[in-house]
Full PDB file with SEQRES, HELIX, SHEET, SSBOND, CRYST1, ORIGX, SCALE, CONECT and MASTER records, all heavy atoms in Angstrom:
SEQRES   1 A   30  TYR SER ASP ARG ARG LYS VAL ILE LEU VAL THR LYS LYS          
SEQRES   2 A   30  SER GLU TYR PRO PHE TYR ASP LYS LEU GLU ASN VAL GLU          
SEQRES   3 A   30  LYS ARG LEU ALA                                              
HELIX    1 AA1 LEU A   22  ARG A   28  1                                   7    
SHEET    1 AA1 3 SER A   2  ASP A   3  0                                        
SHEET    2 AA1 3 LYS A   6  VAL A  10 -1                                        
SHEET    3 AA1 3 GLU A  15  TYR A  19 -1                                        
CRYST1    1.000    1.000    1.000  90.00  90.00  90.00 P 1           1          
ORIGX1      1.000000  0.000000  0.000000        0.00000                         
ORIGX2      0.000000  1.000000  0.000000        0.00000                         
ORIGX3      0.000000  0.000000  1.000000        0.00000                         
SCALE1      1.000000  0.000000  0.000000        0.00000                         
SCALE2      0.000000  1.000000  0.000000        0.00000                         
SCALE3      0.000000  0.000000  1.000000        0.00000                         
ATOM      1  N   TYR A   1      18.926 -15.607  -6.522  1.00  0.00           N  
ATOM      2  CA  TYR A   1      18.049 -16.344  -5.602  1.00  0.00           C  
ATOM      3  C   TYR A   1      16.891 -15.448  -5.176  1.00  0.00           C  
ATOM      4  O   TYR A   1      17.012 -14.211  -5.174  1.00  0.00           O  
ATOM      5  CB  TYR A   1      18.809 -16.891  -4.395  1.00  0.00           C  
ATOM      6  CG  TYR A   1      19.295 -15.875  -3.391  1.00  0.00           C  
ATOM      7  CD1 TYR A   1      18.530 -15.530  -2.266  1.00  0.00           C  
ATOM      8  CD2 TYR A   1      20.548 -15.273  -3.531  1.00  0.00           C  
ATOM      9  CE1 TYR A   1      18.986 -14.621  -1.334  1.00  0.00           C  
ATOM     10  CE2 TYR A   1      21.017 -14.359  -2.603  1.00  0.00           C  
ATOM     11  CZ  TYR A   1      20.234 -14.036  -1.500  1.00  0.00           C  
ATOM     12  OH  TYR A   1      20.684 -13.125  -0.578  1.00  0.00           O  
ATOM     13  N   SER A   2      15.781 -16.072  -4.867  1.00  0.00           N  
ATOM     14  CA  SER A   2      14.589 -15.313  -4.493  1.00  0.00           C  
ATOM     15  C   SER A   2      14.482 -15.196  -2.977  1.00  0.00           C  
ATOM     16  O   SER A   2      14.880 -16.090  -2.226  1.00  0.00           O  
ATOM     17  CB  SER A   2      13.331 -15.984  -5.046  1.00  0.00           C  
ATOM     18  OG  SER A   2      13.199 -17.299  -4.535  1.00  0.00           O  
ATOM     19  N   ASP A   3      13.967 -14.085  -2.532  1.00  0.00           N  
ATOM     20  CA  ASP A   3      13.748 -13.829  -1.105  1.00  0.00           C  
ATOM     21  C   ASP A   3      12.459 -13.028  -0.973  1.00  0.00           C  
ATOM     22  O   ASP A   3      12.450 -11.828  -1.135  1.00  0.00           O  
ATOM     23  CB  ASP A   3      14.924 -13.065  -0.505  1.00  0.00           C  
ATOM     24  CG  ASP A   3      14.770 -12.833   0.987  1.00  0.00           C  
ATOM     25  OD1 ASP A   3      13.865 -13.442   1.595  1.00  0.00           O  
ATOM     26  OD2 ASP A   3      15.559 -12.040   1.548  1.00  0.00           O  
ATOM     27  N   ARG A   4      11.375 -13.757  -0.764  1.00  0.00           N  
ATOM     28  CA  ARG A   4      10.032 -13.160  -0.717  1.00  0.00           C  
ATOM     29  C   ARG A   4       9.721 -12.427  -2.030  1.00  0.00           C  
ATOM     30  O   ARG A   4       9.759 -13.044  -3.074  1.00  0.00           O  
ATOM     31  CB  ARG A   4       9.882 -12.262   0.500  1.00  0.00           C  
ATOM     32  CG  ARG A   4       9.645 -13.048   1.782  1.00  0.00           C  
ATOM     33  CD  ARG A   4       9.817 -12.194   3.015  1.00  0.00           C  
ATOM     34  NE  ARG A   4      11.191 -12.274   3.515  1.00  0.00           N  
ATOM     35  CZ  ARG A   4      11.587 -11.749   4.653  1.00  0.00           C  
ATOM     36  NH1 ARG A   4      10.750 -11.083   5.408  1.00  0.00           N  
ATOM     37  NH2 ARG A   4      12.831 -11.885   5.041  1.00  0.00           N  
ATOM     38  N   ARG A   5       9.508 -11.124  -1.986  1.00  0.00           N  
ATOM     39  CA  ARG A   5       9.129 -10.408  -3.213  1.00  0.00           C  
ATOM     40  C   ARG A   5      10.333  -9.932  -4.015  1.00  0.00           C  
ATOM     41  O   ARG A   5      10.191  -9.323  -5.064  1.00  0.00           O  
ATOM     42  CB  ARG A   5       8.261  -9.204  -2.849  1.00  0.00           C  
ATOM     43  CG  ARG A   5       6.911  -9.571  -2.230  1.00  0.00           C  
ATOM     44  CD  ARG A   5       6.175  -8.336  -1.739  1.00  0.00           C  
ATOM     45  NE  ARG A   5       6.019  -7.356  -2.796  1.00  0.00           N  
ATOM     46  CZ  ARG A   5       6.037  -6.034  -2.616  1.00  0.00           C  
ATOM     47  NH1 ARG A   5       6.244  -5.543  -1.402  1.00  0.00           N  
ATOM     48  NH2 ARG A   5       5.855  -5.216  -3.633  1.00  0.00           N  
ATOM     49  N   LYS A   6      11.521 -10.233  -3.530  1.00  0.00           N  
ATOM     50  CA  LYS A   6      12.735  -9.764  -4.203  1.00  0.00           C  
ATOM     51  C   LYS A   6      13.526 -10.909  -4.824  1.00  0.00           C  
ATOM     52  O   LYS A   6      13.414 -12.057  -4.417  1.00  0.00           O  
ATOM     53  CB  LYS A   6      13.642  -9.023  -3.209  1.00  0.00           C  
ATOM     54  CG  LYS A   6      13.082  -7.696  -2.730  1.00  0.00           C  
ATOM     55  CD  LYS A   6      14.080  -7.008  -1.818  1.00  0.00           C  
ATOM     56  CE  LYS A   6      13.545  -5.655  -1.337  1.00  0.00           C  
ATOM     57  NZ  LYS A   6      14.510  -4.977  -0.441  1.00  0.00           N  
ATOM     58  N   VAL A   7      14.333 -10.530  -5.810  1.00  0.00           N  
ATOM     59  CA  VAL A   7      15.338 -11.422  -6.373  1.00  0.00           C  
ATOM     60  C   VAL A   7      16.686 -10.775  -6.082  1.00  0.00           C  
ATOM     61  O   VAL A   7      16.837  -9.554  -6.194  1.00  0.00           O  
ATOM     62  CB  VAL A   7      15.153 -11.607  -7.891  1.00  0.00           C  
ATOM     63  CG1 VAL A   7      16.310 -12.402  -8.480  1.00  0.00           C  
ATOM     64  CG2 VAL A   7      13.831 -12.304  -8.185  1.00  0.00           C  
ATOM     65  N   ILE A   8      17.665 -11.590  -5.690  1.00  0.00           N  
ATOM     66  CA  ILE A   8      18.992 -11.069  -5.399  1.00  0.00           C  
ATOM     67  C   ILE A   8      19.975 -11.594  -6.428  1.00  0.00           C  
ATOM     68  O   ILE A   8      20.081 -12.813  -6.633  1.00  0.00           O  
ATOM     69  CB  ILE A   8      19.464 -11.459  -3.976  1.00  0.00           C  
ATOM     70  CG1 ILE A   8      18.609 -10.750  -2.922  1.00  0.00           C  
ATOM     71  CG2 ILE A   8      20.925 -11.046  -3.773  1.00  0.00           C  
ATOM     72  CD1 ILE A   8      17.316 -11.379  -2.593  1.00  0.00           C  
ATOM     73  N   LEU A   9      20.664 -10.675  -7.091  1.00  0.00           N  
ATOM     74  CA  LEU A   9      21.706 -11.022  -8.059  1.00  0.00           C  
ATOM     75  C   LEU A   9      23.025 -11.090  -7.299  1.00  0.00           C  
ATOM     76  O   LEU A   9      23.377 -10.174  -6.553  1.00  0.00           O  
ATOM     77  CB  LEU A   9      21.752  -9.971  -9.162  1.00  0.00           C  
ATOM     78  CG  LEU A   9      22.754 -10.120 -10.299  1.00  0.00           C  
ATOM     79  CD1 LEU A   9      22.242  -9.399 -11.548  1.00  0.00           C  
ATOM     80  CD2 LEU A   9      24.152  -9.577  -9.938  1.00  0.00           C  
ATOM     81  N   VAL A  10      23.775 -12.179  -7.499  1.00  0.00           N  
ATOM     82  CA  VAL A  10      25.012 -12.390  -6.757  1.00  0.00           C  
ATOM     83  C   VAL A  10      26.210 -12.418  -7.701  1.00  0.00           C  
ATOM     84  O   VAL A  10      26.224 -13.157  -8.690  1.00  0.00           O  
ATOM     85  CB  VAL A  10      24.962 -13.716  -5.965  1.00  0.00           C  
ATOM     86  CG1 VAL A  10      26.252 -13.920  -5.166  1.00  0.00           C  
ATOM     87  CG2 VAL A  10      23.757 -13.748  -5.037  1.00  0.00           C  
ATOM     88  N   THR A  11      27.206 -11.592  -7.412  1.00  0.00           N  
ATOM     89  CA  THR A  11      28.482 -11.617  -8.127  1.00  0.00           C  
ATOM     90  C   THR A  11      29.566 -12.001  -7.128  1.00  0.00           C  
ATOM     91  O   THR A  11      29.297 -12.204  -5.946  1.00  0.00           O  
ATOM     92  CB  THR A  11      28.817 -10.243  -8.743  1.00  0.00           C  
ATOM     93  OG1 THR A  11      29.104  -9.315  -7.679  1.00  0.00           O  
ATOM     94  CG2 THR A  11      27.664  -9.725  -9.585  1.00  0.00           C  
ATOM     95  N   LYS A  12      30.800 -12.068  -7.596  1.00  0.00           N  
ATOM     96  CA  LYS A  12      31.900 -12.385  -6.688  1.00  0.00           C  
ATOM     97  C   LYS A  12      32.135 -11.271  -5.677  1.00  0.00           C  
ATOM     98  O   LYS A  12      32.691 -11.501  -4.606  1.00  0.00           O  
ATOM     99  CB  LYS A  12      33.191 -12.631  -7.491  1.00  0.00           C  
ATOM    100  CG  LYS A  12      33.166 -13.899  -8.324  1.00  0.00           C  
ATOM    101  CD  LYS A  12      34.469 -14.080  -9.080  1.00  0.00           C  
ATOM    102  CE  LYS A  12      34.454 -15.352  -9.912  1.00  0.00           C  
ATOM    103  NZ  LYS A  12      35.717 -15.542 -10.678  1.00  0.00           N  
ATOM    104  N   LYS A  13      31.691 -10.062  -6.017  1.00  0.00           N  
ATOM    105  CA  LYS A  13      31.964  -8.909  -5.165  1.00  0.00           C  
ATOM    106  C   LYS A  13      30.842  -8.569  -4.197  1.00  0.00           C  
ATOM    107  O   LYS A  13      31.079  -8.134  -3.081  1.00  0.00           O  
ATOM    108  CB  LYS A  13      32.257  -7.683  -6.043  1.00  0.00           C  
ATOM    109  CG  LYS A  13      33.494  -7.828  -6.903  1.00  0.00           C  
ATOM    110  CD  LYS A  13      33.700  -6.595  -7.766  1.00  0.00           C  
ATOM    111  CE  LYS A  13      34.933  -6.733  -8.644  1.00  0.00           C  
ATOM    112  NZ  LYS A  13      35.129  -5.541  -9.521  1.00  0.00           N  
ATOM    113  N   SER A  14      29.579  -8.750  -4.639  1.00  0.00           N  
ATOM    114  CA  SER A  14      28.479  -8.275  -3.797  1.00  0.00           C  
ATOM    115  C   SER A  14      27.153  -8.878  -4.234  1.00  0.00           C  
ATOM    116  O   SER A  14      27.097  -9.705  -5.153  1.00  0.00           O  
ATOM    117  CB  SER A  14      28.403  -6.739  -3.856  1.00  0.00           C  
ATOM    118  OG  SER A  14      27.524  -6.244  -2.881  1.00  0.00           O  
ATOM    119  N   GLU A  15      26.075  -8.449  -3.561  1.00  0.00           N  
ATOM    120  CA  GLU A  15      24.721  -8.875  -3.899  1.00  0.00           C  
ATOM    121  C   GLU A  15      23.865  -7.645  -4.193  1.00  0.00           C  
ATOM    122  O   GLU A  15      24.031  -6.600  -3.557  1.00  0.00           O  
ATOM    123  CB  GLU A  15      24.107  -9.680  -2.753  1.00  0.00           C  
ATOM    124  CG  GLU A  15      24.857 -10.961  -2.437  1.00  0.00           C  
ATOM    125  CD  GLU A  15      24.105 -11.850  -1.439  1.00  0.00           C  
ATOM    126  OE1 GLU A  15      23.012 -11.436  -0.973  1.00  0.00           O  
ATOM    127  OE2 GLU A  15      24.614 -12.942  -1.143  1.00  0.00           O  
ATOM    128  N   TYR A  16      22.941  -7.794  -5.161  1.00  0.00           N  
ATOM    129  CA  TYR A  16      22.126  -6.666  -5.609  1.00  0.00           C  
ATOM    130  C   TYR A  16      20.655  -7.082  -5.648  1.00  0.00           C  
ATOM    131  O   TYR A  16      20.241  -7.816  -6.546  1.00  0.00           O  
ATOM    132  CB  TYR A  16      22.594  -6.202  -6.997  1.00  0.00           C  
ATOM    133  CG  TYR A  16      24.050  -5.826  -7.026  1.00  0.00           C  
ATOM    134  CD1 TYR A  16      25.040  -6.800  -7.218  1.00  0.00           C  
ATOM    135  CD2 TYR A  16      24.461  -4.505  -6.835  1.00  0.00           C  
ATOM    136  CE1 TYR A  16      26.392  -6.466  -7.227  1.00  0.00           C  
ATOM    137  CE2 TYR A  16      25.811  -4.160  -6.847  1.00  0.00           C  
ATOM    138  CZ  TYR A  16      26.762  -5.153  -7.038  1.00  0.00           C  
ATOM    139  OH  TYR A  16      28.095  -4.824  -7.046  1.00  0.00           O  
ATOM    140  N   PRO A  17      19.850  -6.632  -4.688  1.00  0.00           N  
ATOM    141  CA  PRO A  17      18.429  -7.004  -4.657  1.00  0.00           C  
ATOM    142  C   PRO A  17      17.578  -6.123  -5.557  1.00  0.00           C  
ATOM    143  O   PRO A  17      17.891  -4.951  -5.790  1.00  0.00           O  
ATOM    144  CB  PRO A  17      18.067  -6.771  -3.187  1.00  0.00           C  
ATOM    145  CG  PRO A  17      18.967  -5.658  -2.753  1.00  0.00           C  
ATOM    146  CD  PRO A  17      20.252  -5.841  -3.511  1.00  0.00           C  
ATOM    147  N   PHE A  18      16.517  -6.704  -6.107  1.00  0.00           N  
ATOM    148  CA  PHE A  18      15.565  -5.934  -6.898  1.00  0.00           C  
ATOM    149  C   PHE A  18      14.213  -6.649  -6.852  1.00  0.00           C  
ATOM    150  O   PHE A  18      14.138  -7.853  -6.600  1.00  0.00           O  
ATOM    151  CB  PHE A  18      16.041  -5.760  -8.348  1.00  0.00           C  
ATOM    152  CG  PHE A  18      16.293  -7.042  -9.087  1.00  0.00           C  
ATOM    153  CD1 PHE A  18      15.361  -7.560  -9.977  1.00  0.00           C  
ATOM    154  CD2 PHE A  18      17.482  -7.746  -8.900  1.00  0.00           C  
ATOM    155  CE1 PHE A  18      15.597  -8.746 -10.679  1.00  0.00           C  
ATOM    156  CE2 PHE A  18      17.727  -8.929  -9.594  1.00  0.00           C  
ATOM    157  CZ  PHE A  18      16.785  -9.424 -10.481  1.00  0.00           C  
ATOM    158  N   TYR A  19      13.149  -5.894  -7.075  1.00  0.00           N  
ATOM    159  CA  TYR A  19      11.801  -6.464  -7.028  1.00  0.00           C  
ATOM    160  C   TYR A  19      11.481  -7.169  -8.344  1.00  0.00           C  
ATOM    161  O   TYR A  19      11.472  -6.556  -9.403  1.00  0.00           O  
ATOM    162  CB  TYR A  19      10.764  -5.374  -6.753  1.00  0.00           C  
ATOM    163  CG  TYR A  19      10.766  -4.897  -5.323  1.00  0.00           C  
ATOM    164  CD1 TYR A  19      11.379  -3.699  -4.975  1.00  0.00           C  
ATOM    165  CD2 TYR A  19      10.161  -5.654  -4.316  1.00  0.00           C  
ATOM    166  CE1 TYR A  19      11.402  -3.261  -3.653  1.00  0.00           C  
ATOM    167  CE2 TYR A  19      10.176  -5.229  -2.996  1.00  0.00           C  
ATOM    168  CZ  TYR A  19      10.793  -4.033  -2.671  1.00  0.00           C  
ATOM    169  OH  TYR A  19      10.813  -3.612  -1.356  1.00  0.00           O  
ATOM    170  N   ASP A  20      11.234  -8.456  -8.257  1.00  0.00           N  
ATOM    171  CA  ASP A  20      10.852  -9.248  -9.423  1.00  0.00           C  
ATOM    172  C   ASP A  20      10.575 -10.668  -8.947  1.00  0.00           C  
ATOM    173  O   ASP A  20      10.748 -10.986  -7.769  1.00  0.00           O  
ATOM    174  CB  ASP A  20      11.965  -9.250 -10.482  1.00  0.00           C  
ATOM    175  CG  ASP A  20      11.414  -9.483 -11.895  1.00  0.00           C  
ATOM    176  OD1 ASP A  20      10.289 -10.021 -12.004  1.00  0.00           O  
ATOM    177  OD2 ASP A  20      12.111  -9.144 -12.861  1.00  0.00           O  
ATOM    178  N   LYS A  21      10.181 -11.513  -9.887  1.00  0.00           N  
ATOM    179  CA  LYS A  21      10.000 -12.929  -9.591  1.00  0.00           C  
ATOM    180  C   LYS A  21      11.104 -13.707 -10.293  1.00  0.00           C  
ATOM    181  O   LYS A  21      11.481 -13.392 -11.418  1.00  0.00           O  
ATOM    182  CB  LYS A  21       8.636 -13.417 -10.086  1.00  0.00           C  
ATOM    183  CG  LYS A  21       7.457 -12.809  -9.337  1.00  0.00           C  
ATOM    184  CD  LYS A  21       6.138 -13.368  -9.873  1.00  0.00           C  
ATOM    185  CE  LYS A  21       4.946 -12.786  -9.114  1.00  0.00           C  
ATOM    186  NZ  LYS A  21       3.657 -13.296  -9.637  1.00  0.00           N  
ATOM    187  N   LEU A  22      11.593 -14.753  -9.629  1.00  0.00           N  
ATOM    188  CA  LEU A  22      12.664 -15.548 -10.212  1.00  0.00           C  
ATOM    189  C   LEU A  22      12.218 -16.177 -11.533  1.00  0.00           C  
ATOM    190  O   LEU A  22      13.026 -16.344 -12.453  1.00  0.00           O  
ATOM    191  CB  LEU A  22      13.107 -16.634  -9.231  1.00  0.00           C  
ATOM    192  CG  LEU A  22      14.451 -17.307  -9.527  1.00  0.00           C  
ATOM    193  CD1 LEU A  22      15.581 -16.279  -9.524  1.00  0.00           C  
ATOM    194  CD2 LEU A  22      14.738 -18.417  -8.517  1.00  0.00           C  
ATOM    195  N   GLU A  23      10.925 -16.472 -11.649  1.00  0.00           N  
ATOM    196  CA  GLU A  23      10.399 -17.043 -12.899  1.00  0.00           C  
ATOM    197  C   GLU A  23      10.606 -16.082 -14.069  1.00  0.00           C  
ATOM    198  O   GLU A  23      10.909 -16.508 -15.185  1.00  0.00           O  
ATOM    199  CB  GLU A  23       8.904 -17.357 -12.761  1.00  0.00           C  
ATOM    200  CG  GLU A  23       8.584 -18.540 -11.862  1.00  0.00           C  
ATOM    201  CD  GLU A  23       8.711 -18.209 -10.382  1.00  0.00           C  
ATOM    202  OE1 GLU A  23       8.812 -16.992 -10.035  1.00  0.00           O  
ATOM    203  OE2 GLU A  23       8.738 -19.148  -9.571  1.00  0.00           O  
ATOM    204  N   ASN A  24      10.438 -14.795 -13.824  1.00  0.00           N  
ATOM    205  CA  ASN A  24      10.628 -13.810 -14.885  1.00  0.00           C  
ATOM    206  C   ASN A  24      12.097 -13.727 -15.314  1.00  0.00           C  
ATOM    207  O   ASN A  24      12.404 -13.602 -16.501  1.00  0.00           O  
ATOM    208  CB  ASN A  24      10.148 -12.432 -14.427  1.00  0.00           C  
ATOM    209  CG  ASN A  24       8.661 -12.401 -14.159  1.00  0.00           C  
ATOM    210  OD1 ASN A  24       7.906 -13.192 -14.723  1.00  0.00           O  
ATOM    211  ND2 ASN A  24       8.228 -11.498 -13.304  1.00  0.00           N  
ATOM    212  N   VAL A  25      12.983 -13.777 -14.325  1.00  0.00           N  
ATOM    213  CA  VAL A  25      14.414 -13.753 -14.627  1.00  0.00           C  
ATOM    214  C   VAL A  25      14.796 -14.995 -15.421  1.00  0.00           C  
ATOM    215  O   VAL A  25      15.545 -14.924 -16.394  1.00  0.00           O  
ATOM    216  CB  VAL A  25      15.243 -13.671 -13.328  1.00  0.00           C  
ATOM    217  CG1 VAL A  25      16.739 -13.705 -13.654  1.00  0.00           C  
ATOM    218  CG2 VAL A  25      14.893 -12.411 -12.551  1.00  0.00           C  
ATOM    219  N   GLU A  26      14.244 -16.140 -15.008  1.00  0.00           N  
ATOM    220  CA  GLU A  26      14.536 -17.395 -15.701  1.00  0.00           C  
ATOM    221  C   GLU A  26      14.107 -17.332 -17.169  1.00  0.00           C  
ATOM    222  O   GLU A  26      14.831 -17.799 -18.062  1.00  0.00           O  
ATOM    223  CB  GLU A  26      13.834 -18.547 -15.001  1.00  0.00           C  
ATOM    224  CG  GLU A  26      14.119 -19.909 -15.631  1.00  0.00           C  
ATOM    225  CD  GLU A  26      13.360 -21.038 -14.968  1.00  0.00           C  
ATOM    226  OE1 GLU A  26      12.418 -20.749 -14.191  1.00  0.00           O  
ATOM    227  OE2 GLU A  26      13.689 -22.202 -15.237  1.00  0.00           O  
ATOM    228  N   LYS A  27      12.956 -16.756 -17.449  1.00  0.00           N  
ATOM    229  CA  LYS A  27      12.479 -16.648 -18.828  1.00  0.00           C  
ATOM    230  C   LYS A  27      13.439 -15.822 -19.682  1.00  0.00           C  
ATOM    231  O   LYS A  27      13.706 -16.144 -20.840  1.00  0.00           O  
ATOM    232  CB  LYS A  27      11.081 -16.019 -18.860  1.00  0.00           C  
ATOM    233  CG  LYS A  27       9.981 -16.932 -18.347  1.00  0.00           C  
ATOM    234  CD  LYS A  27       8.648 -16.210 -18.329  1.00  0.00           C  
ATOM    235  CE  LYS A  27       7.559 -17.092 -17.747  1.00  0.00           C  
ATOM    236  NZ  LYS A  27       6.257 -16.362 -17.637  1.00  0.00           N  
ATOM    237  N   ARG A  28      13.959 -14.743 -19.096  1.00  0.00           N  
ATOM    238  CA  ARG A  28      14.862 -13.875 -19.854  1.00  0.00           C  
ATOM    239  C   ARG A  28      16.222 -14.523 -20.097  1.00  0.00           C  
ATOM    240  O   ARG A  28      16.876 -14.257 -21.103  1.00  0.00           O  
ATOM    241  CB  ARG A  28      15.069 -12.546 -19.113  1.00  0.00           C  
ATOM    242  CG  ARG A  28      13.835 -11.676 -19.047  1.00  0.00           C  
ATOM    243  CD  ARG A  28      14.194 -10.233 -18.778  1.00  0.00           C  
ATOM    244  NE  ARG A  28      14.787 -10.009 -17.476  1.00  0.00           N  
ATOM    245  CZ  ARG A  28      14.095  -9.755 -16.371  1.00  0.00           C  
ATOM    246  NH1 ARG A  28      12.776  -9.709 -16.403  1.00  0.00           N  
ATOM    247  NH2 ARG A  28      14.721  -9.552 -15.224  1.00  0.00           N  
ATOM    248  N   LEU A  29      16.647 -15.381 -19.162  1.00  0.00           N  
ATOM    249  CA  LEU A  29      18.004 -15.917 -19.223  1.00  0.00           C  
ATOM    250  C   LEU A  29      18.047 -17.429 -19.415  1.00  0.00           C  
ATOM    251  O   LEU A  29      19.055 -18.067 -19.110  1.00  0.00           O  
ATOM    252  CB  LEU A  29      18.752 -15.549 -17.928  1.00  0.00           C  
ATOM    253  CG  LEU A  29      18.852 -14.061 -17.606  1.00  0.00           C  
ATOM    254  CD1 LEU A  29      19.555 -13.852 -16.276  1.00  0.00           C  
ATOM    255  CD2 LEU A  29      19.581 -13.311 -18.712  1.00  0.00           C  
ATOM    256  N   ALA A  30      16.979 -17.991 -19.942  1.00  0.00           N  
ATOM    257  CA  ALA A  30      16.861 -19.457 -20.044  1.00  0.00           C  
ATOM    258  C   ALA A  30      17.999 -20.105 -20.821  1.00  0.00           C  
ATOM    259  O   ALA A  30      18.378 -21.248 -20.541  1.00  0.00           O  
ATOM    260  CB  ALA A  30      15.523 -19.824 -20.687  1.00  0.00           C  
TER     261      ALA A  30                                                      
MASTER        0    0    0    1    3    0    0    6  260    1    0    3          
END                                                                             
């Protein structure tokens, strides 16, 4: 999920934020 300038990756254990756009992640994982 996106949160301003960051994207947060969510697993069952935790969340991992990183700087990117959700559109870029979507292109890689379409």
